[in-house]
Amino acid sequence: MIYDPKTDIWSVDTRPSIGKLYGVIGVTTGVYAPQRVYVLSENSTSGYDTVNDVWSTAKAIRTPRFSFGVAVVDDVL
């Protein structure tokens, strides 16, 4: 589901090609990095381009993790 705060509307959008289990999400704003929604799971990372409605595979975490968190600081995960 995608939430648009400008219109206060939720909508169904493109789904990632790989299901995520025990994942976390980080969002970059487009100021210092491309505007993306990143979904990180124990051994994979996907990025969602909100402008073009496209999912892509991003570089995976070096060491598989379980029960972890993510933070975005200055547009960097």
PDB file of N, CA and C in Angstrom:
ATOM      1  N   MET A   1       0.845  -1.181   0.000  1.00  0.00           N
ATOM      2  CA  MET A   1       0.000   0.000   0.000  1.00  0.00           C
ATOM      3  C   MET A   1       0.894   1.249   0.000  1.00  0.00           C
ATOM      4  N   ILE A   2       0.461   2.241  -0.716  1.00  0.00           N
ATOM      5  CA  ILE A   2       1.193   3.506  -0.803  1.00  0.00           C
ATOM      6  C   ILE A   2       0.301   4.609  -0.251  1.00  0.00           C
ATOM      7  N   TYR A   3       0.878   5.413   0.649  1.00  0.00           N
ATOM      8  CA  TYR A   3       0.137   6.530   1.218  1.00  0.00           C
ATOM      9  C   TYR A   3       0.637   7.829   0.622  1.00  0.00           C
ATOM     10  N   ASP A   4      -0.258   8.652   0.135  1.00  0.00           N
ATOM     11  CA  ASP A   4       0.084   9.962  -0.398  1.00  0.00           C
ATOM     12  C   ASP A   4      -0.361  11.016   0.610  1.00  0.00           C
ATOM     13  N   PRO A   5       0.588  11.614   1.334  1.00  0.00           N
ATOM     14  CA  PRO A   5       0.207  12.588   2.363  1.00  0.00           C
ATOM     15  C   PRO A   5      -0.404  13.868   1.787  1.00  0.00           C
ATOM     16  N   LYS A   6      -0.128  14.170   0.521  1.00  0.00           N
ATOM     17  CA  LYS A   6      -0.692  15.376  -0.090  1.00  0.00           C
ATOM     18  C   LYS A   6      -2.198  15.242  -0.279  1.00  0.00           C
ATOM     19  N   THR A   7      -2.652  14.034  -0.646  1.00  0.00           N
ATOM     20  CA  THR A   7      -4.079  13.818  -0.886  1.00  0.00           C
ATOM     21  C   THR A   7      -4.760  13.062   0.253  1.00  0.00           C
ATOM     22  N   ASP A   8      -3.963  12.560   1.206  1.00  0.00           N
ATOM     23  CA  ASP A   8      -4.474  11.772   2.329  1.00  0.00           C
ATOM     24  C   ASP A   8      -5.206  10.518   1.838  1.00  0.00           C
ATOM     25  N   ILE A   9      -4.612   9.873   0.812  1.00  0.00           N
ATOM     26  CA  ILE A   9      -5.231   8.690   0.208  1.00  0.00           C
ATOM     27  C   ILE A   9      -4.232   7.529   0.174  1.00  0.00           C
ATOM     28  N   TRP A  10      -4.737   6.336   0.514  1.00  0.00           N
ATOM     29  CA  TRP A  10      -3.973   5.092   0.381  1.00  0.00           C
ATOM     30  C   TRP A  10      -4.346   4.458  -0.946  1.00  0.00           C
ATOM     31  N   SER A  11      -3.372   3.837  -1.633  1.00  0.00           N
ATOM     32  CA  SER A  11      -3.666   3.139  -2.883  1.00  0.00           C
ATOM     33  C   SER A  11      -2.820   1.871  -2.983  1.00  0.00           C
ATOM     34  N   VAL A  12      -3.292   0.933  -3.799  1.00  0.00           N
ATOM     35  CA  VAL A  12      -2.540  -0.285  -4.067  1.00  0.00           C
ATOM     36  C   VAL A  12      -1.584   0.034  -5.196  1.00  0.00           C
ATOM     37  N   ASP A  13      -0.334  -0.384  -5.049  1.00  0.00           N
ATOM     38  CA  ASP A  13       0.659  -0.061  -6.063  1.00  0.00           C
ATOM     39  C   ASP A  13       1.461  -1.305  -6.418  1.00  0.00           C
ATOM     40  N   THR A  14       2.485  -1.136  -7.215  1.00  0.00           N
ATOM     41  CA  THR A  14       3.333  -2.240  -7.661  1.00  0.00           C
ATOM     42  C   THR A  14       3.933  -2.975  -6.466  1.00  0.00           C
ATOM     43  N   ARG A  15       3.928  -4.277  -6.544  1.00  0.00           N
ATOM     44  CA  ARG A  15       4.496  -5.093  -5.467  1.00  0.00           C
ATOM     45  C   ARG A  15       5.913  -5.518  -5.836  1.00  0.00           C
ATOM     46  N   PRO A  16       6.771  -5.698  -4.834  1.00  0.00           N
ATOM     47  CA  PRO A  16       8.131  -6.169  -5.136  1.00  0.00           C
ATOM     48  C   PRO A  16       8.062  -7.589  -5.687  1.00  0.00           C
ATOM     49  N   SER A  17       9.045  -7.946  -6.495  1.00  0.00           N
ATOM     50  CA  SER A  17       9.053  -9.270  -7.108  1.00  0.00           C
ATOM     51  C   SER A  17       9.408 -10.366  -6.105  1.00  0.00           C
ATOM     52  N   ILE A  18      10.060 -10.008  -5.015  1.00  0.00           N
ATOM     53  CA  ILE A  18      10.459 -10.990  -4.011  1.00  0.00           C
ATOM     54  C   ILE A  18       9.758 -10.656  -2.705  1.00  0.00           C
ATOM     55  N   GLY A  19       9.115 -11.634  -2.103  1.00  0.00           N
ATOM     56  CA  GLY A  19       8.461 -11.412  -0.823  1.00  0.00           C
ATOM     57  C   GLY A  19       9.483 -11.144   0.282  1.00  0.00           C
ATOM     58  N   LYS A  20       9.118 -10.372   1.248  1.00  0.00           N
ATOM     59  CA  LYS A  20      10.014 -10.035   2.339  1.00  0.00           C
ATOM     60  C   LYS A  20       9.465 -10.587   3.641  1.00  0.00           C
ATOM     61  N   LEU A  21      10.324 -11.199   4.402  1.00  0.00           N
ATOM     62  CA  LEU A  21       9.966 -11.733   5.705  1.00  0.00           C
ATOM     63  C   LEU A  21      10.906 -11.122   6.722  1.00  0.00           C
ATOM     64  N   TYR A  22      10.377 -10.598   7.786  1.00  0.00           N
ATOM     65  CA  TYR A  22      11.191  -9.962   8.823  1.00  0.00           C
ATOM     66  C   TYR A  22      12.031  -8.832   8.246  1.00  0.00           C
ATOM     67  N   GLY A  23      11.445  -7.994   7.438  1.00  0.00           N
ATOM     68  CA  GLY A  23      12.171  -6.901   6.817  1.00  0.00           C
ATOM     69  C   GLY A  23      11.945  -5.579   7.521  1.00  0.00           C
ATOM     70  N   VAL A  24      12.751  -4.616   7.146  1.00  0.00           N
ATOM     71  CA  VAL A  24      12.628  -3.245   7.639  1.00  0.00           C
ATOM     72  C   VAL A  24      12.598  -2.321   6.429  1.00  0.00           C
ATOM     73  N   ILE A  25      12.136  -1.104   6.659  1.00  0.00           N
ATOM     74  CA  ILE A  25      12.003  -0.151   5.561  1.00  0.00           C
ATOM     75  C   ILE A  25      12.736   1.139   5.901  1.00  0.00           C
ATOM     76  N   GLY A  26      13.432   1.684   4.918  1.00  0.00           N
ATOM     77  CA  GLY A  26      14.071   2.985   5.027  1.00  0.00           C
ATOM     78  C   GLY A  26      13.706   3.794   3.795  1.00  0.00           C
ATOM     79  N   VAL A  27      13.506   5.088   3.955  1.00  0.00           N
ATOM     80  CA  VAL A  27      13.080   5.945   2.846  1.00  0.00           C
ATOM     81  C   VAL A  27      14.067   7.080   2.672  1.00  0.00           C
ATOM     82  N   THR A  28      14.548   7.258   1.431  1.00  0.00           N
ATOM     83  CA  THR A  28      15.391   8.406   1.121  1.00  0.00           C
ATOM     84  C   THR A  28      14.529   9.441   0.398  1.00  0.00           C
ATOM     85  N   THR A  29      14.825  10.705   0.614  1.00  0.00           N
ATOM     86  CA  THR A  29      13.939  11.778   0.171  1.00  0.00           C
ATOM     87  C   THR A  29      14.257  12.358  -1.196  1.00  0.00           C
ATOM     88  N   GLY A  30      15.429  12.057  -1.730  1.00  0.00           N
ATOM     89  CA  GLY A  30      15.805  12.625  -3.018  1.00  0.00           C
ATOM     90  C   GLY A  30      16.677  13.848  -2.899  1.00  0.00           C
ATOM     91  N   VAL A  31      17.003  14.266  -1.678  1.00  0.00           N
ATOM     92  CA  VAL A  31      17.865  15.433  -1.495  1.00  0.00           C
ATOM     93  C   VAL A  31      19.319  15.060  -1.796  1.00  0.00           C
ATOM     94  N   TYR A  32      19.845  14.009  -1.149  1.00  0.00           N
ATOM     95  CA  TYR A  32      21.230  13.582  -1.347  1.00  0.00           C
ATOM     96  C   TYR A  32      21.328  12.209  -2.014  1.00  0.00           C
ATOM     97  N   ALA A  33      20.245  11.505  -2.106  1.00  0.00           N
ATOM     98  CA  ALA A  33      20.193  10.179  -2.734  1.00  0.00           C
ATOM     99  C   ALA A  33      18.902  10.115  -3.523  1.00  0.00           C
ATOM    100  N   PRO A  34      18.795   9.167  -4.447  1.00  0.00           N
ATOM    101  CA  PRO A  34      17.533   9.056  -5.190  1.00  0.00           C
ATOM    102  C   PRO A  34      16.355   8.809  -4.253  1.00  0.00           C
ATOM    103  N   GLN A  35      15.214   9.358  -4.597  1.00  0.00           N
ATOM    104  CA  GLN A  35      14.008   9.152  -3.784  1.00  0.00           C
ATOM    105  C   GLN A  35      13.569   7.707  -3.938  1.00  0.00           C
ATOM    106  N   ARG A  36      13.710   6.927  -2.871  1.00  0.00           N
ATOM    107  CA  ARG A  36      13.394   5.499  -2.913  1.00  0.00           C
ATOM    108  C   ARG A  36      12.833   5.038  -1.575  1.00  0.00           C
ATOM    109  N   VAL A  37      12.083   3.948  -1.645  1.00  0.00           N
ATOM    110  CA  VAL A  37      11.673   3.208  -0.456  1.00  0.00           C
ATOM    111  C   VAL A  37      12.469   1.912  -0.510  1.00  0.00           C
ATOM    112  N   TYR A  38      13.329   1.682   0.484  1.00  0.00           N
ATOM    113  CA  TYR A  38      14.159   0.485   0.518  1.00  0.00           C
ATOM    114  C   TYR A  38      13.558  -0.521   1.493  1.00  0.00           C
ATOM    115  N   VAL A  39      13.449  -1.766   1.034  1.00  0.00           N
ATOM    116  CA  VAL A  39      12.968  -2.857   1.873  1.00  0.00           C
ATOM    117  C   VAL A  39      14.143  -3.802   2.056  1.00  0.00           C
ATOM    118  N   LEU A  40      14.634  -3.887   3.292  1.00  0.00           N
ATOM    119  CA  LEU A  40      15.779  -4.730   3.600  1.00  0.00           C
ATOM    120  C   LEU A  40      15.297  -5.935   4.396  1.00  0.00           C
ATOM    121  N   SER A  41      15.689  -7.108   3.969  1.00  0.00           N
ATOM    122  CA  SER A  41      15.352  -8.320   4.713  1.00  0.00           C
ATOM    123  C   SER A  41      16.646  -9.025   5.101  1.00  0.00           C
ATOM    124  N   GLU A  42      16.505 -10.216   5.655  1.00  0.00           N
ATOM    125  CA  GLU A  42      17.677 -10.901   6.196  1.00  0.00           C
ATOM    126  C   GLU A  42      18.778 -11.150   5.169  1.00  0.00           C
ATOM    127  N   ASN A  43      18.469 -11.234   3.880  1.00  0.00           N
ATOM    128  CA  ASN A  43      19.533 -11.475   2.907  1.00  0.00           C
ATOM    129  C   ASN A  43      19.302 -10.803   1.554  1.00  0.00           C
ATOM    130  N   SER A  44      18.420  -9.822   1.488  1.00  0.00           N
ATOM    131  CA  SER A  44      18.200  -9.121   0.224  1.00  0.00           C
ATOM    132  C   SER A  44      17.708  -7.701   0.476  1.00  0.00           C
ATOM    133  N   THR A  45      17.861  -6.877  -0.537  1.00  0.00           N
ATOM    134  CA  THR A  45      17.409  -5.489  -0.457  1.00  0.00           C
ATOM    135  C   THR A  45      16.747  -5.120  -1.774  1.00  0.00           C
ATOM    136  N   SER A  46      15.580  -4.497  -1.702  1.00  0.00           N
ATOM    137  CA  SER A  46      14.891  -4.006  -2.889  1.00  0.00           C
ATOM    138  C   SER A  46      14.662  -2.511  -2.725  1.00  0.00           C
ATOM    139  N   GLY A  47      14.636  -1.815  -3.846  1.00  0.00           N
ATOM    140  CA  GLY A  47      14.366  -0.389  -3.820  1.00  0.00           C
ATOM    141  C   GLY A  47      13.166  -0.075  -4.698  1.00  0.00           C
ATOM    142  N   TYR A  48      12.281   0.774  -4.192  1.00  0.00           N
ATOM    143  CA  TYR A  48      11.089   1.158  -4.944  1.00  0.00           C
ATOM    144  C   TYR A  48      11.220   2.611  -5.366  1.00  0.00           C
ATOM    145  N   ASP A  49      11.194   2.852  -6.663  1.00  0.00           N
ATOM    146  CA  ASP A  49      11.228   4.193  -7.235  1.00  0.00           C
ATOM    147  C   ASP A  49       9.791   4.700  -7.270  1.00  0.00           C
ATOM    148  N   THR A  50       9.461   5.617  -6.375  1.00  0.00           N
ATOM    149  CA  THR A  50       8.084   6.101  -6.237  1.00  0.00           C
ATOM    150  C   THR A  50       7.643   6.947  -7.419  1.00  0.00           C
ATOM    151  N   VAL A  51       8.572   7.571  -8.104  1.00  0.00           N
ATOM    152  CA  VAL A  51       8.225   8.427  -9.241  1.00  0.00           C
ATOM    153  C   VAL A  51       7.847   7.589 -10.462  1.00  0.00           C
ATOM    154  N   ASN A  52       8.634   6.535 -10.735  1.00  0.00           N
ATOM    155  CA  ASN A  52       8.410   5.715 -11.926  1.00  0.00           C
ATOM    156  C   ASN A  52       7.664   4.419 -11.634  1.00  0.00           C
ATOM    157  N   ASP A  53       7.302   4.173 -10.374  1.00  0.00           N
ATOM    158  CA  ASP A  53       6.555   2.985  -9.975  1.00  0.00           C
ATOM    159  C   ASP A  53       7.279   1.702 -10.395  1.00  0.00           C
ATOM    160  N   VAL A  54       8.566   1.621 -10.037  1.00  0.00           N
ATOM    161  CA  VAL A  54       9.399   0.489 -10.433  1.00  0.00           C
ATOM    162  C   VAL A  54      10.177  -0.030  -9.224  1.00  0.00           C
ATOM    163  N   TRP A  55      10.177  -1.361  -9.055  1.00  0.00           N
ATOM    164  CA  TRP A  55      10.996  -2.012  -8.035  1.00  0.00           C
ATOM    165  C   TRP A  55      12.294  -2.481  -8.681  1.00  0.00           C
ATOM    166  N   SER A  56      13.388  -2.416  -7.937  1.00  0.00           N
ATOM    167  CA  SER A  56      14.663  -2.946  -8.413  1.00  0.00           C
ATOM    168  C   SER A  56      15.390  -3.609  -7.250  1.00  0.00           C
ATOM    169  N   THR A  57      16.323  -4.469  -7.596  1.00  0.00           N
ATOM    170  CA  THR A  57      17.136  -5.118  -6.574  1.00  0.00           C
ATOM    171  C   THR A  57      18.310  -4.213  -6.263  1.00  0.00           C
ATOM    172  N   ALA A  58      18.564  -3.998  -4.993  1.00  0.00           N
ATOM    173  CA  ALA A  58      19.693  -3.178  -4.567  1.00  0.00           C
ATOM    174  C   ALA A  58      20.743  -4.089  -3.937  1.00  0.00           C
ATOM    175  N   LYS A  59      21.877  -3.540  -3.634  1.00  0.00           N
ATOM    176  CA  LYS A  59      22.961  -4.313  -3.034  1.00  0.00           C
ATOM    177  C   LYS A  59      22.502  -4.855  -1.676  1.00  0.00           C
ATOM    178  N   ALA A  60      22.680  -6.161  -1.491  1.00  0.00           N
ATOM    179  CA  ALA A  60      22.254  -6.808  -0.242  1.00  0.00           C
ATOM    180  C   ALA A  60      23.189  -6.438   0.909  1.00  0.00           C
ATOM    181  N   ILE A  61      22.693  -6.608   2.112  1.00  0.00           N
ATOM    182  CA  ILE A  61      23.500  -6.402   3.308  1.00  0.00           C
ATOM    183  C   ILE A  61      24.641  -7.414   3.273  1.00  0.00           C
ATOM    184  N   ARG A  62      25.837  -6.994   3.678  1.00  0.00           N
ATOM    185  CA  ARG A  62      27.013  -7.881   3.607  1.00  0.00           C
ATOM    186  C   ARG A  62      26.842  -9.161   4.407  1.00  0.00           C
ATOM    187  N   THR A  63      26.328  -9.029   5.616  1.00  0.00           N
ATOM    188  CA  THR A  63      26.132 -10.185   6.486  1.00  0.00           C
ATOM    189  C   THR A  63      24.644 -10.333   6.737  1.00  0.00           C
ATOM    190  N   PRO A  64      24.061 -11.500   6.424  1.00  0.00           N
ATOM    191  CA  PRO A  64      22.627 -11.680   6.668  1.00  0.00           C
ATOM    192  C   PRO A  64      22.258 -11.348   8.120  1.00  0.00           C
ATOM    193  N   ARG A  65      21.141 -10.659   8.291  1.00  0.00           N
ATOM    194  CA  ARG A  65      20.692 -10.225   9.621  1.00  0.00           C
ATOM    195  C   ARG A  65      19.286 -10.718   9.879  1.00  0.00           C
ATOM    196  N   PHE A  66      18.958 -10.847  11.145  1.00  0.00           N
ATOM    197  CA  PHE A  66      17.622 -11.217  11.568  1.00  0.00           C
ATOM    198  C   PHE A  66      17.272 -10.334  12.751  1.00  0.00           C
ATOM    199  N   SER A  67      16.090  -9.761  12.761  1.00  0.00           N
ATOM    200  CA  SER A  67      15.660  -8.886  13.851  1.00  0.00           C
ATOM    201  C   SER A  67      16.569  -7.661  13.959  1.00  0.00           C
ATOM    202  N   PHE A  68      16.612  -6.865  12.909  1.00  0.00           N
ATOM    203  CA  PHE A  68      17.473  -5.691  12.892  1.00  0.00           C
ATOM    204  C   PHE A  68      16.647  -4.454  12.569  1.00  0.00           C
ATOM    205  N   GLY A  69      17.263  -3.294  12.636  1.00  0.00           N
ATOM    206  CA  GLY A  69      16.594  -2.040  12.328  1.00  0.00           C
ATOM    207  C   GLY A  69      17.401  -1.261  11.305  1.00  0.00           C
ATOM    208  N   VAL A  70      16.836  -0.186  10.832  1.00  0.00           N
ATOM    209  CA  VAL A  70      17.520   0.671   9.873  1.00  0.00           C
ATOM    210  C   VAL A  70      17.208   2.121  10.228  1.00  0.00           C
ATOM    211  N   ALA A  71      18.143   2.988   9.931  1.00  0.00           N
ATOM    212  CA  ALA A  71      17.955   4.428  10.124  1.00  0.00           C
ATOM    213  C   ALA A  71      18.408   5.147   8.867  1.00  0.00           C
ATOM    214  N   VAL A  72      17.798   6.271   8.585  1.00  0.00           N
ATOM    215  CA  VAL A  72      18.213   7.092   7.458  1.00  0.00           C
ATOM    216  C   VAL A  72      18.702   8.418   8.034  1.00  0.00           C
ATOM    217  N   VAL A  73      19.976   8.741   7.754  1.00  0.00           N
ATOM    218  CA  VAL A  73      20.572   9.979   8.236  1.00  0.00           C
ATOM    219  C   VAL A  73      21.172  10.698   7.022  1.00  0.00           C
ATOM    220  N   ASP A  74      20.768  11.931   6.794  1.00  0.00           N
ATOM    221  CA  ASP A  74      21.232  12.700   5.635  1.00  0.00           C
ATOM    222  C   ASP A  74      21.040  11.924   4.338  1.00  0.00           C
ATOM    223  N   ASP A  75      19.901  11.270   4.196  1.00  0.00           N
ATOM    224  CA  ASP A  75      19.533  10.514   3.002  1.00  0.00           C
ATOM    225  C   ASP A  75      20.413   9.289   2.748  1.00  0.00           C
ATOM    226  N   VAL A  76      21.056   8.773   3.786  1.00  0.00           N
ATOM    227  CA  VAL A  76      21.873   7.570   3.684  1.00  0.00           C
ATOM    228  C   VAL A  76      21.322   6.532   4.649  1.00  0.00           C
ATOM    229  N   LEU A  77      21.120   5.288   4.148  1.00  0.00           N
ATOM    230  CA  LEU A  77      20.644   4.212   5.019  1.00  0.00           C
ATOM    231  C   LEU A  77      21.724   3.841   6.007  1.00  0.00           C
TER     232      LEU A  77
END
